[in-house]
């Protein structure tokens, strides 16, 4: 059961990271945004919107990749800590 929960958490976080990237291609909800929030557009690309107009804008993909590795690495560390020591 713990393995299923860990897998679900990892897949959910991966989907959120994919939505924040420029590679999101699904339009699963309407134009006003998810739950009516304009901050969550159907086209994804949140990181590009956040960095638009800044000096970091050309490095969007690099920032996304580093952030994704850090977040997924942190999730892996939390799951390993929750499982306890191996026998």
C-alpha atoms as a PDB file:
ATOM      1  CA  UNK A   1       0.000   0.000   0.000  1.00  0.00           C
ATOM      2  CA  UNK A   2       2.870   2.385   0.823  1.00  0.00           C
ATOM      3  CA  UNK A   3       4.345   1.737  -2.595  1.00  0.00           C
ATOM      4  CA  UNK A   4       1.061   2.675  -4.306  1.00  0.00           C
ATOM      5  CA  UNK A   5       0.830   5.902  -2.308  1.00  0.00           C
ATOM      6  CA  UNK A   6       4.434   6.788  -3.136  1.00  0.00           C
ATOM      7  CA  UNK A   7       3.849   6.053  -6.819  1.00  0.00           C
ATOM      8  CA  UNK A   8       0.679   8.164  -6.856  1.00  0.00           C
ATOM      9  CA  UNK A   9       2.467  11.062  -5.144  1.00  0.00           C
ATOM     10  CA  UNK A  10       5.358  10.911  -7.598  1.00  0.00           C
ATOM     11  CA  UNK A  11       3.062  10.748 -10.623  1.00  0.00           C
ATOM     12  CA  UNK A  12       0.962  13.651  -9.321  1.00  0.00           C
ATOM     13  CA  UNK A  13       4.007  15.833  -8.744  1.00  0.00           C
ATOM     14  CA  UNK A  14       5.351  14.843 -12.165  1.00  0.00           C
ATOM     15  CA  UNK A  15       2.057  15.903 -13.769  1.00  0.00           C
ATOM     16  CA  UNK A  16       2.212  19.252 -11.954  1.00  0.00           C
ATOM     17  CA  UNK A  17       5.777  19.786 -13.143  1.00  0.00           C
ATOM     18  CA  UNK A  18       4.725  18.890 -16.679  1.00  0.00           C
ATOM     19  CA  UNK A  19       1.885  21.428 -16.457  1.00  0.00           C
ATOM     20  CA  UNK A  20       4.328  24.117 -15.313  1.00  0.00           C
ATOM     21  CA  UNK A  21       6.581  23.426 -18.308  1.00  0.00           C
ATOM     22  CA  UNK A  22       6.247  24.755 -21.828  1.00  0.00           C
ATOM     23  CA  UNK A  23       5.532  21.211 -23.101  1.00  0.00           C
ATOM     24  CA  UNK A  24       1.962  20.937 -21.773  1.00  0.00           C
ATOM     25  CA  UNK A  25      -0.337  20.328 -24.748  1.00  0.00           C
ATOM     26  CA  UNK A  26      -3.656  19.300 -23.180  1.00  0.00           C
ATOM     27  CA  UNK A  27      -6.553  21.732 -22.859  1.00  0.00           C
ATOM     28  CA  UNK A  28      -8.548  19.923 -20.184  1.00  0.00           C
ATOM     29  CA  UNK A  29     -10.550  22.911 -18.921  1.00  0.00           C
ATOM     30  CA  UNK A  30     -12.071  26.106 -20.241  1.00  0.00           C
ATOM     31  CA  UNK A  31     -10.568  29.499 -20.969  1.00  0.00           C
ATOM     32  CA  UNK A  32     -11.242  31.179 -17.592  1.00  0.00           C
ATOM     33  CA  UNK A  33      -8.815  28.701 -16.019  1.00  0.00           C
ATOM     34  CA  UNK A  34      -9.079  25.757 -13.678  1.00  0.00           C
ATOM     35  CA  UNK A  35     -11.773  26.409 -11.045  1.00  0.00           C
ATOM     36  CA  UNK A  36     -12.206  29.875 -12.593  1.00  0.00           C
ATOM     37  CA  UNK A  37      -8.685  30.965 -11.651  1.00  0.00           C
ATOM     38  CA  UNK A  38      -7.020  32.893 -14.460  1.00  0.00           C
ATOM     39  CA  UNK A  39      -3.644  31.942 -12.954  1.00  0.00           C
ATOM     40  CA  UNK A  40      -4.202  28.336 -14.090  1.00  0.00           C
ATOM     41  CA  UNK A  41      -4.766  28.612 -17.850  1.00  0.00           C
ATOM     42  CA  UNK A  42      -5.554  25.492 -19.894  1.00  0.00           C
ATOM     43  CA  UNK A  43      -2.372  25.847 -21.946  1.00  0.00           C
ATOM     44  CA  UNK A  44       0.085  25.364 -19.064  1.00  0.00           C
ATOM     45  CA  UNK A  45       3.461  27.066 -19.379  1.00  0.00           C
ATOM     46  CA  UNK A  46       3.331  28.602 -15.923  1.00  0.00           C
ATOM     47  CA  UNK A  47       7.071  28.999 -15.543  1.00  0.00           C
ATOM     48  CA  UNK A  48       7.275  30.944 -18.802  1.00  0.00           C
ATOM     49  CA  UNK A  49       4.544  33.285 -17.582  1.00  0.00           C
ATOM     50  CA  UNK A  50       6.287  33.801 -14.252  1.00  0.00           C
ATOM     51  CA  UNK A  51       9.640  34.548 -15.893  1.00  0.00           C
ATOM     52  CA  UNK A  52       8.306  36.752 -18.690  1.00  0.00           C
ATOM     53  CA  UNK A  53       9.962  40.156 -18.628  1.00  0.00           C
ATOM     54  CA  UNK A  54      12.812  39.095 -16.343  1.00  0.00           C
ATOM     55  CA  UNK A  55      16.480  38.491 -17.088  1.00  0.00           C
ATOM     56  CA  UNK A  56      15.954  34.775 -16.349  1.00  0.00           C
ATOM     57  CA  UNK A  57      13.451  34.368 -19.195  1.00  0.00           C
ATOM     58  CA  UNK A  58      15.957  32.883 -21.703  1.00  0.00           C
ATOM     59  CA  UNK A  59      16.845  30.195 -19.165  1.00  0.00           C
ATOM     60  CA  UNK A  60      13.303  28.936 -18.639  1.00  0.00           C
ATOM     61  CA  UNK A  61      14.002  25.352 -19.704  1.00  0.00           C
ATOM     62  CA  UNK A  62      17.168  25.123 -17.610  1.00  0.00           C
ATOM     63  CA  UNK A  63      15.386  26.510 -14.556  1.00  0.00           C
ATOM     64  CA  UNK A  64      12.516  24.086 -15.080  1.00  0.00           C
ATOM     65  CA  UNK A  65      14.851  21.084 -15.419  1.00  0.00           C
ATOM     66  CA  UNK A  66      16.859  21.962 -12.304  1.00  0.00           C
ATOM     67  CA  UNK A  67      13.665  22.584 -10.328  1.00  0.00           C
ATOM     68  CA  UNK A  68      12.132  19.310 -11.492  1.00  0.00           C
ATOM     69  CA  UNK A  69      15.201  17.313 -10.440  1.00  0.00           C
ATOM     70  CA  UNK A  70      15.311  19.068  -7.067  1.00  0.00           C
ATOM     71  CA  UNK A  71      11.612  18.547  -6.377  1.00  0.00           C
ATOM     72  CA  UNK A  72      11.563  14.895  -7.471  1.00  0.00           C
ATOM     73  CA  UNK A  73      14.790  14.253  -5.561  1.00  0.00           C
ATOM     74  CA  UNK A  74      13.229  15.746  -2.456  1.00  0.00           C
ATOM     75  CA  UNK A  75      10.153  13.566  -2.886  1.00  0.00           C
ATOM     76  CA  UNK A  76      12.383  10.514  -3.234  1.00  0.00           C
ATOM     77  CA  UNK A  77      14.237  11.457  -0.039  1.00  0.00           C
ATOM     78  CA  UNK A  78      10.961  11.920   1.859  1.00  0.00           C
ATOM     79  CA  UNK A  79       9.661   8.567   0.671  1.00  0.00           C
ATOM     80  CA  UNK A  80      12.925   6.846   1.618  1.00  0.00           C
ATOM     81  CA  UNK A  81      12.780   8.449   5.071  1.00  0.00           C
ATOM     82  CA  UNK A  82       9.146   7.371   5.519  1.00  0.00           C
ATOM     83  CA  UNK A  83       9.981   3.776   4.604  1.00  0.00           C
ATOM     84  CA  UNK A  84      12.687   3.572   7.246  1.00  0.00           C
ATOM     85  CA  UNK A  85      15.998   1.706   7.151  1.00  0.00           C
ATOM     86  CA  UNK A  86      16.372  -1.312   4.926  1.00  0.00           C
ATOM     87  CA  UNK A  87      16.998  -4.655   6.545  1.00  0.00           C
END
